[in-house]
PDB file of N, CA and C in Angstrom:
ATOM      1  N   UNK A   1     -26.393  56.492-107.259  1.00  0.00           N
ATOM      2  CA  UNK A   1     -26.238  55.384-106.347  1.00  0.00           C
ATOM      3  C   UNK A   1     -24.926  55.578-105.586  1.00  0.00           C
ATOM      4  N   UNK A   2     -25.003  55.537-104.270  1.00  0.00           N
ATOM      5  CA  UNK A   2     -23.821  55.743-103.449  1.00  0.00           C
ATOM      6  C   UNK A   2     -22.981  54.467-103.396  1.00  0.00           C
ATOM      7  N   UNK A   3     -21.822  54.582-102.801  1.00  0.00           N
ATOM      8  CA  UNK A   3     -20.917  53.441-102.692  1.00  0.00           C
ATOM      9  C   UNK A   3     -21.524  52.340-101.838  1.00  0.00           C
ATOM     10  N   UNK A   4     -22.166  52.706-100.729  1.00  0.00           N
ATOM     11  CA  UNK A   4     -22.784  51.701 -99.862  1.00  0.00           C
ATOM     12  C   UNK A   4     -23.958  51.010-100.545  1.00  0.00           C
ATOM     13  N   UNK A   5     -24.731  51.746-101.303  1.00  0.00           N
ATOM     14  CA  UNK A   5     -25.845  51.137-102.028  1.00  0.00           C
ATOM     15  C   UNK A   5     -25.339  50.157-103.084  1.00  0.00           C
ATOM     16  N   UNK A   6     -24.315  50.551-103.823  1.00  0.00           N
ATOM     17  CA  UNK A   6     -23.780  49.642-104.831  1.00  0.00           C
ATOM     18  C   UNK A   6     -23.120  48.429-104.187  1.00  0.00           C
ATOM     19  N   UNK A   7     -22.531  48.601-103.007  1.00  0.00           N
ATOM     20  CA  UNK A   7     -21.970  47.472-102.273  1.00  0.00           C
ATOM     21  C   UNK A   7     -23.064  46.472-101.891  1.00  0.00           C
ATOM     22  N   UNK A   8     -24.209  46.973-101.482  1.00  0.00           N
ATOM     23  CA  UNK A   8     -25.336  46.103-101.131  1.00  0.00           C
ATOM     24  C   UNK A   8     -25.844  45.376-102.365  1.00  0.00           C
ATOM     25  N   UNK A   9     -26.050  46.096-103.447  1.00  0.00           N
ATOM     26  CA  UNK A   9     -26.659  45.508-104.640  1.00  0.00           C
ATOM     27  C   UNK A   9     -25.727  44.525-105.334  1.00  0.00           C
ATOM     28  N   UNK A  10     -24.453  44.869-105.443  1.00  0.00           N
ATOM     29  CA  UNK A  10     -23.552  44.074-106.262  1.00  0.00           C
ATOM     30  C   UNK A  10     -22.668  43.095-105.478  1.00  0.00           C
ATOM     31  N   UNK A  11     -22.636  43.195-104.148  1.00  0.00           N
ATOM     32  CA  UNK A  11     -21.762  42.307-103.396  1.00  0.00           C
ATOM     33  C   UNK A  11     -22.504  41.530-102.308  1.00  0.00           C
ATOM     34  N   UNK A  12     -23.211  42.205-101.441  1.00  0.00           N
ATOM     35  CA  UNK A  12     -23.811  41.542-100.281  1.00  0.00           C
ATOM     36  C   UNK A  12     -24.978  40.659-100.687  1.00  0.00           C
ATOM     37  N   UNK A  13     -25.860  41.146-101.525  1.00  0.00           N
ATOM     38  CA  UNK A  13     -27.010  40.342-101.936  1.00  0.00           C
ATOM     39  C   UNK A  13     -26.599  39.084-102.703  1.00  0.00           C
ATOM     40  N   UNK A  14     -25.688  39.158-103.688  1.00  0.00           N
ATOM     41  CA  UNK A  14     -25.243  37.917-104.332  1.00  0.00           C
ATOM     42  C   UNK A  14     -24.481  36.991-103.381  1.00  0.00           C
ATOM     43  N   UNK A  15     -23.770  37.562-102.421  1.00  0.00           N
ATOM     44  CA  UNK A  15     -23.058  36.747-101.447  1.00  0.00           C
ATOM     45  C   UNK A  15     -24.035  35.955-100.576  1.00  0.00           C
ATOM     46  N   UNK A  16     -25.133  36.570-100.182  1.00  0.00           N
ATOM     47  CA  UNK A  16     -26.162  35.862 -99.420  1.00  0.00           C
ATOM     48  C   UNK A  16     -26.778  34.758-100.270  1.00  0.00           C
ATOM     49  N   UNK A  17     -27.018  35.033-101.539  1.00  0.00           N
ATOM     50  CA  UNK A  17     -27.526  34.002-102.440  1.00  0.00           C
ATOM     51  C   UNK A  17     -26.561  32.836-102.580  1.00  0.00           C
ATOM     52  N   UNK A  18     -25.273  33.122-102.637  1.00  0.00           N
ATOM     53  CA  UNK A  18     -24.261  32.067-102.728  1.00  0.00           C
ATOM     54  C   UNK A  18     -24.227  31.226-101.455  1.00  0.00           C
ATOM     55  N   UNK A  19     -24.345  31.872-100.308  1.00  0.00           N
ATOM     56  CA  UNK A  19     -24.348  31.141 -99.042  1.00  0.00           C
ATOM     57  C   UNK A  19     -25.569  30.235 -98.953  1.00  0.00           C
ATOM     58  N   UNK A  20     -26.723  30.711 -99.381  1.00  0.00           N
ATOM     59  CA  UNK A  20     -27.933  29.881 -99.390  1.00  0.00           C
ATOM     60  C   UNK A  20     -27.724  28.680-100.310  1.00  0.00           C
ATOM     61  N   UNK A  21     -27.141  28.899-101.474  1.00  0.00           N
ATOM     62  CA  UNK A  21     -26.864  27.801-102.401  1.00  0.00           C
ATOM     63  C   UNK A  21     -25.913  26.782-101.776  1.00  0.00           C
ATOM     64  N   UNK A  22     -24.867  27.255-101.095  1.00  0.00           N
ATOM     65  CA  UNK A  22     -23.915  26.342-100.470  1.00  0.00           C
ATOM     66  C   UNK A  22     -24.542  25.542 -99.337  1.00  0.00           C
ATOM     67  N   UNK A  23     -25.473  26.144 -98.609  1.00  0.00           N
ATOM     68  CA  UNK A  23     -26.179  25.412 -97.553  1.00  0.00           C
ATOM     69  C   UNK A  23     -27.011  24.294 -98.166  1.00  0.00           C
ATOM     70  N   UNK A  24     -27.713  24.591 -99.252  1.00  0.00           N
ATOM     71  CA  UNK A  24     -28.534  23.572 -99.913  1.00  0.00           C
ATOM     72  C   UNK A  24     -27.643  22.446-100.457  1.00  0.00           C
ATOM     73  N   UNK A  25     -26.520  22.798-101.075  1.00  0.00           N
ATOM     74  CA  UNK A  25     -25.610  21.788-101.605  1.00  0.00           C
ATOM     75  C   UNK A  25     -25.047  20.926-100.481  1.00  0.00           C
ATOM     76  N   UNK A  26     -24.711  21.545 -99.351  1.00  0.00           N
ATOM     77  CA  UNK A  26     -24.174  20.792 -98.221  1.00  0.00           C
ATOM     78  C   UNK A  26     -25.220  19.833 -97.657  1.00  0.00           C
ATOM     79  N   UNK A  27     -26.466  20.257 -97.568  1.00  0.00           N
ATOM     80  CA  UNK A  27     -27.530  19.378 -97.072  1.00  0.00           C
ATOM     81  C   UNK A  27     -27.713  18.193 -98.012  1.00  0.00           C
ATOM     82  N   UNK A  28     -27.763  18.447 -99.298  1.00  0.00           N
ATOM     83  CA  UNK A  28     -27.930  17.355-100.269  1.00  0.00           C
ATOM     84  C   UNK A  28     -26.723  16.423-100.228  1.00  0.00           C
ATOM     85  N   UNK A  29     -25.531  16.985-100.142  1.00  0.00           N
ATOM     86  CA  UNK A  29     -24.324  16.172-100.105  1.00  0.00           C
ATOM     87  C   UNK A  29     -24.277  15.315 -98.841  1.00  0.00           C
ATOM     88  N   UNK A  30     -24.664  15.883 -97.697  1.00  0.00           N
ATOM     89  CA  UNK A  30     -24.650  15.094 -96.464  1.00  0.00           C
ATOM     90  C   UNK A  30     -25.701  13.987 -96.501  1.00  0.00           C
ATOM     91  N   UNK A  31     -26.827  14.226 -97.162  1.00  0.00           N
ATOM     92  CA  UNK A  31     -27.819  13.159 -97.325  1.00  0.00           C
ATOM     93  C   UNK A  31     -27.283  12.055 -98.231  1.00  0.00           C
ATOM     94  N   UNK A  32     -26.569  12.418 -99.285  1.00  0.00           N
ATOM     95  CA  UNK A  32     -25.976  11.417-100.163  1.00  0.00           C
ATOM     96  C   UNK A  32     -24.928  10.583 -99.434  1.00  0.00           C
ATOM     97  N   UNK A  33     -24.182  11.221 -98.540  1.00  0.00           N
ATOM     98  CA  UNK A  33     -23.200  10.484 -97.753  1.00  0.00           C
ATOM     99  C   UNK A  33     -23.906   9.590 -96.735  1.00  0.00           C
ATOM    100  N   UNK A  34     -24.966  10.096 -96.096  1.00  0.00           N
ATOM    101  CA  UNK A  34     -25.680   9.320 -95.090  1.00  0.00           C
ATOM    102  C   UNK A  34     -26.339   8.080 -95.692  1.00  0.00           C
ATOM    103  N   UNK A  35     -26.847   8.183 -96.907  1.00  0.00           N
ATOM    104  CA  UNK A  35     -27.487   7.049 -97.556  1.00  0.00           C
ATOM    105  C   UNK A  35     -26.506   6.220 -98.386  1.00  0.00           C
ATOM    106  N   UNK A  36     -25.206   6.503 -98.208  1.00  0.00           N
ATOM    107  CA  UNK A  36     -24.125   5.750 -98.836  1.00  0.00           C
ATOM    108  C   UNK A  36     -24.201   5.750-100.366  1.00  0.00           C
ATOM    109  N   UNK A  37     -24.723   6.826-100.925  1.00  0.00           N
ATOM    110  CA  UNK A  37     -24.697   7.001-102.377  1.00  0.00           C
ATOM    111  C   UNK A  37     -23.323   7.511-102.798  1.00  0.00           C
ATOM    112  N   UNK A  38     -22.755   8.370-101.961  1.00  0.00           N
ATOM    113  CA  UNK A  38     -21.430   8.926-102.191  1.00  0.00           C
ATOM    114  C   UNK A  38     -20.522   8.404-101.081  1.00  0.00           C
ATOM    115  N   UNK A  39     -19.355   7.937-101.460  1.00  0.00           N
ATOM    116  CA  UNK A  39     -18.417   7.360-100.505  1.00  0.00           C
ATOM    117  C   UNK A  39     -17.320   8.368-100.191  1.00  0.00           C
ATOM    118  N   UNK A  40     -17.078   8.604 -98.899  1.00  0.00           N
ATOM    119  CA  UNK A  40     -16.054   9.562 -98.500  1.00  0.00           C
ATOM    120  C   UNK A  40     -14.635   8.988 -98.572  1.00  0.00           C
ATOM    121  N   UNK A  41     -14.485   7.750 -98.988  1.00  0.00           N
ATOM    122  CA  UNK A  41     -13.152   7.184 -99.137  1.00  0.00           C
ATOM    123  C   UNK A  41     -12.431   7.738-100.364  1.00  0.00           C
ATOM    124  N   UNK A  42     -13.176   8.285-101.304  1.00  0.00           N
ATOM    125  CA  UNK A  42     -12.566   8.907-102.486  1.00  0.00           C
ATOM    126  C   UNK A  42     -12.005  10.273-102.063  1.00  0.00           C
ATOM    127  N   UNK A  43     -10.731  10.558-102.360  1.00  0.00           N
ATOM    128  CA  UNK A  43     -10.118  11.791-101.856  1.00  0.00           C
ATOM    129  C   UNK A  43     -10.776  13.073-102.361  1.00  0.00           C
ATOM    130  N   UNK A  44     -11.200  13.108-103.606  1.00  0.00           N
ATOM    131  CA  UNK A  44     -11.818  14.319-104.141  1.00  0.00           C
ATOM    132  C   UNK A  44     -13.168  14.582-103.488  1.00  0.00           C
ATOM    133  N   UNK A  45     -13.939  13.526-103.321  1.00  0.00           N
ATOM    134  CA  UNK A  45     -15.249  13.661-102.681  1.00  0.00           C
ATOM    135  C   UNK A  45     -15.075  14.113-101.235  1.00  0.00           C
ATOM    136  N   UNK A  46     -14.089  13.547-100.549  1.00  0.00           N
ATOM    137  CA  UNK A  46     -13.823  13.921 -99.158  1.00  0.00           C
ATOM    138  C   UNK A  46     -13.432  15.390 -99.059  1.00  0.00           C
ATOM    139  N   UNK A  47     -12.593  15.871 -99.980  1.00  0.00           N
ATOM    140  CA  UNK A  47     -12.176  17.274 -99.960  1.00  0.00           C
ATOM    141  C   UNK A  47     -13.358  18.208-100.195  1.00  0.00           C
ATOM    142  N   UNK A  48     -14.213  17.858-101.133  1.00  0.00           N
ATOM    143  CA  UNK A  48     -15.400  18.686-101.399  1.00  0.00           C
ATOM    144  C   UNK A  48     -16.308  18.702-100.190  1.00  0.00           C
ATOM    145  N   UNK A  49     -16.513  17.538 -99.584  1.00  0.00           N
ATOM    146  CA  UNK A  49     -17.398  17.441 -98.418  1.00  0.00           C
ATOM    147  C   UNK A  49     -16.866  18.280 -97.260  1.00  0.00           C
ATOM    148  N   UNK A  50     -15.570  18.158 -96.959  1.00  0.00           N
ATOM    149  CA  UNK A  50     -15.015  18.912 -95.838  1.00  0.00           C
ATOM    150  C   UNK A  50     -14.914  20.397 -96.147  1.00  0.00           C
ATOM    151  N   UNK A  51     -14.727  20.763 -97.397  1.00  0.00           N
ATOM    152  CA  UNK A  51     -14.755  22.182 -97.768  1.00  0.00           C
ATOM    153  C   UNK A  51     -16.135  22.774 -97.519  1.00  0.00           C
ATOM    154  N   UNK A  52     -17.165  22.060 -97.949  1.00  0.00           N
ATOM    155  CA  UNK A  52     -18.531  22.530 -97.693  1.00  0.00           C
ATOM    156  C   UNK A  52     -18.807  22.614 -96.200  1.00  0.00           C
ATOM    157  N   UNK A  53     -18.336  21.635 -95.434  1.00  0.00           N
ATOM    158  CA  UNK A  53     -18.519  21.660 -93.987  1.00  0.00           C
ATOM    159  C   UNK A  53     -17.859  22.885 -93.368  1.00  0.00           C
ATOM    160  N   UNK A  54     -16.633  23.196 -93.805  1.00  0.00           N
ATOM    161  CA  UNK A  54     -15.922  24.344 -93.245  1.00  0.00           C
ATOM    162  C   UNK A  54     -16.570  25.668 -93.612  1.00  0.00           C
ATOM    163  N   UNK A  55     -17.194  25.740 -94.773  1.00  0.00           N
ATOM    164  CA  UNK A  55     -17.835  26.986 -95.193  1.00  0.00           C
ATOM    165  C   UNK A  55     -19.179  27.177 -94.492  1.00  0.00           C
ATOM    166  N   UNK A  56     -19.949  26.111 -94.363  1.00  0.00           N
ATOM    167  CA  UNK A  56     -21.318  26.205 -93.857  1.00  0.00           C
ATOM    168  C   UNK A  56     -21.386  26.090 -92.332  1.00  0.00           C
ATOM    169  N   UNK A  57     -20.425  25.411 -91.729  1.00  0.00           N
ATOM    170  CA  UNK A  57     -20.457  25.168 -90.287  1.00  0.00           C
ATOM    171  C   UNK A  57     -20.505  26.442 -89.432  1.00  0.00           C
ATOM    172  N   UNK A  58     -19.752  27.509 -89.751  1.00  0.00           N
ATOM    173  CA  UNK A  58     -19.858  28.715 -88.919  1.00  0.00           C
ATOM    174  C   UNK A  58     -21.246  29.361 -88.948  1.00  0.00           C
ATOM    175  N   UNK A  59     -22.002  29.106 -89.982  1.00  0.00           N
ATOM    176  CA  UNK A  59     -23.357  29.662 -90.066  1.00  0.00           C
ATOM    177  C   UNK A  59     -24.337  28.788 -89.295  1.00  0.00           C
ATOM    178  N   UNK A  60     -24.167  27.471 -89.401  1.00  0.00           N
ATOM    179  CA  UNK A  60     -25.131  26.556 -88.803  1.00  0.00           C
ATOM    180  C   UNK A  60     -24.872  26.258 -87.336  1.00  0.00           C
ATOM    181  N   UNK A  61     -23.633  26.315 -86.872  1.00  0.00           N
ATOM    182  CA  UNK A  61     -23.330  25.913 -85.496  1.00  0.00           C
ATOM    183  C   UNK A  61     -24.004  26.784 -84.433  1.00  0.00           C
ATOM    184  N   UNK A  62     -24.103  28.119 -84.591  1.00  0.00           N
ATOM    185  CA  UNK A  62     -24.846  28.873 -83.566  1.00  0.00           C
ATOM    186  C   UNK A  62     -26.331  28.504 -83.522  1.00  0.00           C
ATOM    187  N   UNK A  63     -26.886  28.192 -84.674  1.00  0.00           N
ATOM    188  CA  UNK A  63     -28.297  27.794 -84.717  1.00  0.00           C
ATOM    189  C   UNK A  63     -28.461  26.417 -84.094  1.00  0.00           C
ATOM    190  N   UNK A  64     -27.493  25.530 -84.302  1.00  0.00           N
ATOM    191  CA  UNK A  64     -27.560  24.186 -83.735  1.00  0.00           C
ATOM    192  C   UNK A  64     -27.439  24.205 -82.223  1.00  0.00           C
ATOM    193  N   UNK A  65     -26.762  25.211 -81.657  1.00  0.00           N
ATOM    194  CA  UNK A  65     -26.677  25.334 -80.202  1.00  0.00           C
ATOM    195  C   UNK A  65     -28.024  25.720 -79.607  1.00  0.00           C
ATOM    196  N   UNK A  66     -28.779  26.531 -80.341  1.00  0.00           N
ATOM    197  CA  UNK A  66     -30.093  26.974 -79.861  1.00  0.00           C
ATOM    198  C   UNK A  66     -31.161  25.944 -80.172  1.00  0.00           C
ATOM    199  N   UNK A  67     -31.125  25.396 -81.370  1.00  0.00           N
ATOM    200  CA  UNK A  67     -32.155  24.476 -81.857  1.00  0.00           C
ATOM    201  C   UNK A  67     -31.566  23.069 -81.962  1.00  0.00           C
ATOM    202  N   UNK A  68     -31.818  22.203 -80.977  1.00  0.00           N
ATOM    203  CA  UNK A  68     -31.234  20.859 -81.039  1.00  0.00           C
ATOM    204  C   UNK A  68     -31.919  20.019 -82.106  1.00  0.00           C
ATOM    205  N   UNK A  69     -31.269  18.920 -82.529  1.00  0.00           N
ATOM    206  CA  UNK A  69     -31.914  18.032 -83.508  1.00  0.00           C
ATOM    207  C   UNK A  69     -33.197  17.428 -82.936  1.00  0.00           C
ATOM    208  N   UNK A  70     -34.230  17.427 -83.727  1.00  0.00           N
ATOM    209  CA  UNK A  70     -35.522  16.911 -83.270  1.00  0.00           C
ATOM    210  C   UNK A  70     -35.845  15.635 -84.033  1.00  0.00           C
ATOM    211  N   UNK A  71     -35.866  14.528 -83.339  1.00  0.00           N
ATOM    212  CA  UNK A  71     -36.203  13.269 -83.973  1.00  0.00           C
ATOM    213  C   UNK A  71     -35.187  12.835 -85.008  1.00  0.00           C
ATOM    214  N   UNK A  72     -33.927  13.208 -84.822  1.00  0.00           N
ATOM    215  CA  UNK A  72     -32.899  12.845 -85.774  1.00  0.00           C
ATOM    216  C   UNK A  72     -32.768  13.794 -86.943  1.00  0.00           C
ATOM    217  N   UNK A  73     -33.628  14.790 -87.023  1.00  0.00           N
ATOM    218  CA  UNK A  73     -33.567  15.768 -88.113  1.00  0.00           C
ATOM    219  C   UNK A  73     -32.931  17.056 -87.618  1.00  0.00           C
ATOM    220  N   UNK A  74     -32.081  17.626 -88.429  1.00  0.00           N
ATOM    221  CA  UNK A  74     -31.430  18.887 -88.114  1.00  0.00           C
ATOM    222  C   UNK A  74     -32.120  19.990 -88.908  1.00  0.00           C
ATOM    223  N   UNK A  75     -32.817  20.859 -88.192  1.00  0.00           N
ATOM    224  CA  UNK A  75     -33.554  21.930 -88.845  1.00  0.00           C
ATOM    225  C   UNK A  75     -32.749  23.224 -88.945  1.00  0.00           C
ATOM    226  N   UNK A  76     -31.489  23.202 -88.533  1.00  0.00           N
ATOM    227  CA  UNK A  76     -30.691  24.426 -88.584  1.00  0.00           C
ATOM    228  C   UNK A  76     -30.461  24.933 -90.016  1.00  0.00           C
ATOM    229  N   UNK A  77     -30.287  24.077 -91.033  1.00  0.00           N
ATOM    230  CA  UNK A  77     -30.171  24.640 -92.393  1.00  0.00           C
ATOM    231  C   UNK A  77     -31.441  25.361 -92.838  1.00  0.00           C
ATOM    232  N   UNK A  78     -32.591  24.826 -92.467  1.00  0.00           N
ATOM    233  CA  UNK A  78     -33.849  25.475 -92.824  1.00  0.00           C
ATOM    234  C   UNK A  78     -33.971  26.837 -92.153  1.00  0.00           C
ATOM    235  N   UNK A  79     -33.628  26.903 -90.880  1.00  0.00           N
ATOM    236  CA  UNK A  79     -33.684  28.174 -90.151  1.00  0.00           C
ATOM    237  C   UNK A  79     -32.686  29.168 -90.739  1.00  0.00           C
ATOM    238  N   UNK A  80     -31.483  28.690 -91.056  1.00  0.00           N
ATOM    239  CA  UNK A  80     -30.466  29.575 -91.633  1.00  0.00           C
ATOM    240  C   UNK A  80     -30.909  30.125 -92.983  1.00  0.00           C
ATOM    241  N   UNK A  81     -31.500  29.278 -93.816  1.00  0.00           N
ATOM    242  CA  UNK A  81     -31.973  29.733 -95.128  1.00  0.00           C
ATOM    243  C   UNK A  81     -33.096  30.743 -94.966  1.00  0.00           C
ATOM    244  N   UNK A  82     -34.016  30.488 -94.044  1.00  0.00           N
ATOM    245  CA  UNK A  82     -35.113  31.435 -93.823  1.00  0.00           C
ATOM    246  C   UNK A  82     -34.595  32.781 -93.332  1.00  0.00           C
ATOM    247  N   UNK A  83     -33.644  32.758 -92.420  1.00  0.00           N
ATOM    248  CA  UNK A  83     -33.080  34.014 -91.907  1.00  0.00           C
ATOM    249  C   UNK A  83     -32.330  34.758 -93.009  1.00  0.00           C
ATOM    250  N   UNK A  84     -31.533  34.036 -93.790  1.00  0.00           N
ATOM    251  CA  UNK A  84     -30.791  34.687 -94.872  1.00  0.00           C
ATOM    252  C   UNK A  84     -31.723  35.248 -95.943  1.00  0.00           C
ATOM    253  N   UNK A  85     -32.789  34.531 -96.252  1.00  0.00           N
ATOM    254  CA  UNK A  85     -33.748  35.060 -97.229  1.00  0.00           C
ATOM    255  C   UNK A  85     -34.489  36.269 -96.674  1.00  0.00           C
ATOM    256  N   UNK A  86     -34.755  36.270 -95.368  1.00  0.00           N
ATOM    257  CA  UNK A  86     -35.400  37.442 -94.771  1.00  0.00           C
ATOM    258  C   UNK A  86     -34.455  38.643 -94.852  1.00  0.00           C
ATOM    259  N   UNK A  87     -33.186  38.421 -94.559  1.00  0.00           N
ATOM    260  CA  UNK A  87     -32.206  39.513 -94.658  1.00  0.00           C
ATOM    261  C   UNK A  87     -32.117  40.013 -96.089  1.00  0.00           C
ATOM    262  N   UNK A  88     -32.093  39.089 -97.045  1.00  0.00           N
ATOM    263  CA  UNK A  88     -31.968  39.470 -98.454  1.00  0.00           C
ATOM    264  C   UNK A  88     -33.239  40.142 -98.970  1.00  0.00           C
ATOM    265  N   UNK A  89     -34.384  39.677 -98.533  1.00  0.00           N
ATOM    266  CA  UNK A  89     -35.634  40.208 -99.070  1.00  0.00           C
ATOM    267  C   UNK A  89     -36.185  41.405 -98.334  1.00  0.00           C
ATOM    268  N   UNK A  90     -35.870  41.530 -97.038  1.00  0.00           N
ATOM    269  CA  UNK A  90     -36.439  42.624 -96.258  1.00  0.00           C
ATOM    270  C   UNK A  90     -35.368  43.546 -95.685  1.00  0.00           C
ATOM    271  N   UNK A  91     -34.317  42.977 -95.118  1.00  0.00           N
ATOM    272  CA  UNK A  91     -33.300  43.783 -94.451  1.00  0.00           C
ATOM    273  C   UNK A  91     -32.472  44.629 -95.395  1.00  0.00           C
ATOM    274  N   UNK A  92     -31.995  44.024 -96.478  1.00  0.00           N
ATOM    275  CA  UNK A  92     -31.173  44.784 -97.427  1.00  0.00           C
ATOM    276  C   UNK A  92     -31.947  45.869 -98.163  1.00  0.00           C
ATOM    277  N   UNK A  93     -33.199  45.611 -98.619  1.00  0.00           N
ATOM    278  CA  UNK A  93     -33.935  46.722 -99.228  1.00  0.00           C
ATOM    279  C   UNK A  93     -34.216  47.870 -98.260  1.00  0.00           C
ATOM    280  N   UNK A  94     -34.484  47.550 -96.989  1.00  0.00           N
ATOM    281  CA  UNK A  94     -34.678  48.616 -96.001  1.00  0.00           C
ATOM    282  C   UNK A  94     -33.394  49.407 -95.823  1.00  0.00           C
ATOM    283  N   UNK A  95     -32.256  48.699 -95.734  1.00  0.00           N
ATOM    284  CA  UNK A  95     -30.974  49.371 -95.592  1.00  0.00           C
ATOM    285  C   UNK A  95     -30.661  50.204 -96.829  1.00  0.00           C
ATOM    286  N   UNK A  96     -31.001  49.662 -98.002  1.00  0.00           N
ATOM    287  CA  UNK A  96     -30.793  50.396 -99.245  1.00  0.00           C
ATOM    288  C   UNK A  96     -31.626  51.677 -99.259  1.00  0.00           C
ATOM    289  N   UNK A  97     -32.878  51.584 -98.780  1.00  0.00           N
ATOM    290  CA  UNK A  97     -33.734  52.758 -98.715  1.00  0.00           C
ATOM    291  C   UNK A  97     -33.235  53.797 -97.725  1.00  0.00           C
ATOM    292  N   UNK A  98     -32.705  53.340 -96.610  1.00  0.00           N
ATOM    293  CA  UNK A  98     -32.175  54.258 -95.599  1.00  0.00           C
ATOM    294  C   UNK A  98     -30.947  54.997 -96.131  1.00  0.00           C
ATOM    295  N   UNK A  99     -30.109  54.280 -96.869  1.00  0.00           N
ATOM    296  CA  UNK A  99     -28.887  54.882 -97.393  1.00  0.00           C
ATOM    297  C   UNK A  99     -29.134  55.831 -98.551  1.00  0.00           C
ATOM    298  N   UNK A 100     -30.255  55.672 -99.228  1.00  0.00           N
ATOM    299  CA  UNK A 100     -30.466  56.488-100.424  1.00  0.00           C
ATOM    300  C   UNK A 100     -31.666  57.302-100.291  1.00  0.00           C
TER     301      UNK A 100
END
């Protein structure tokens, strides 16, 4: 296994999985805030919420520019997850095959 192949297997693929997990957590957290289950007046909750926003926003904002909210729903997390899963399931194995 070459260095690039091991980089794909042990770093890039788990990183994509982590980003997908953070997108899902951010969506659930924003729904909890929207339905007033979680209050942003608590400093710890606010810090977690804004940390998730700062991590996920660079991924979702380009998609949000192309795909506007439809009927009050933001489909950019769904599109981002689908694209990341396609990269993880199809793009990385193809790249791994090309490298090895």
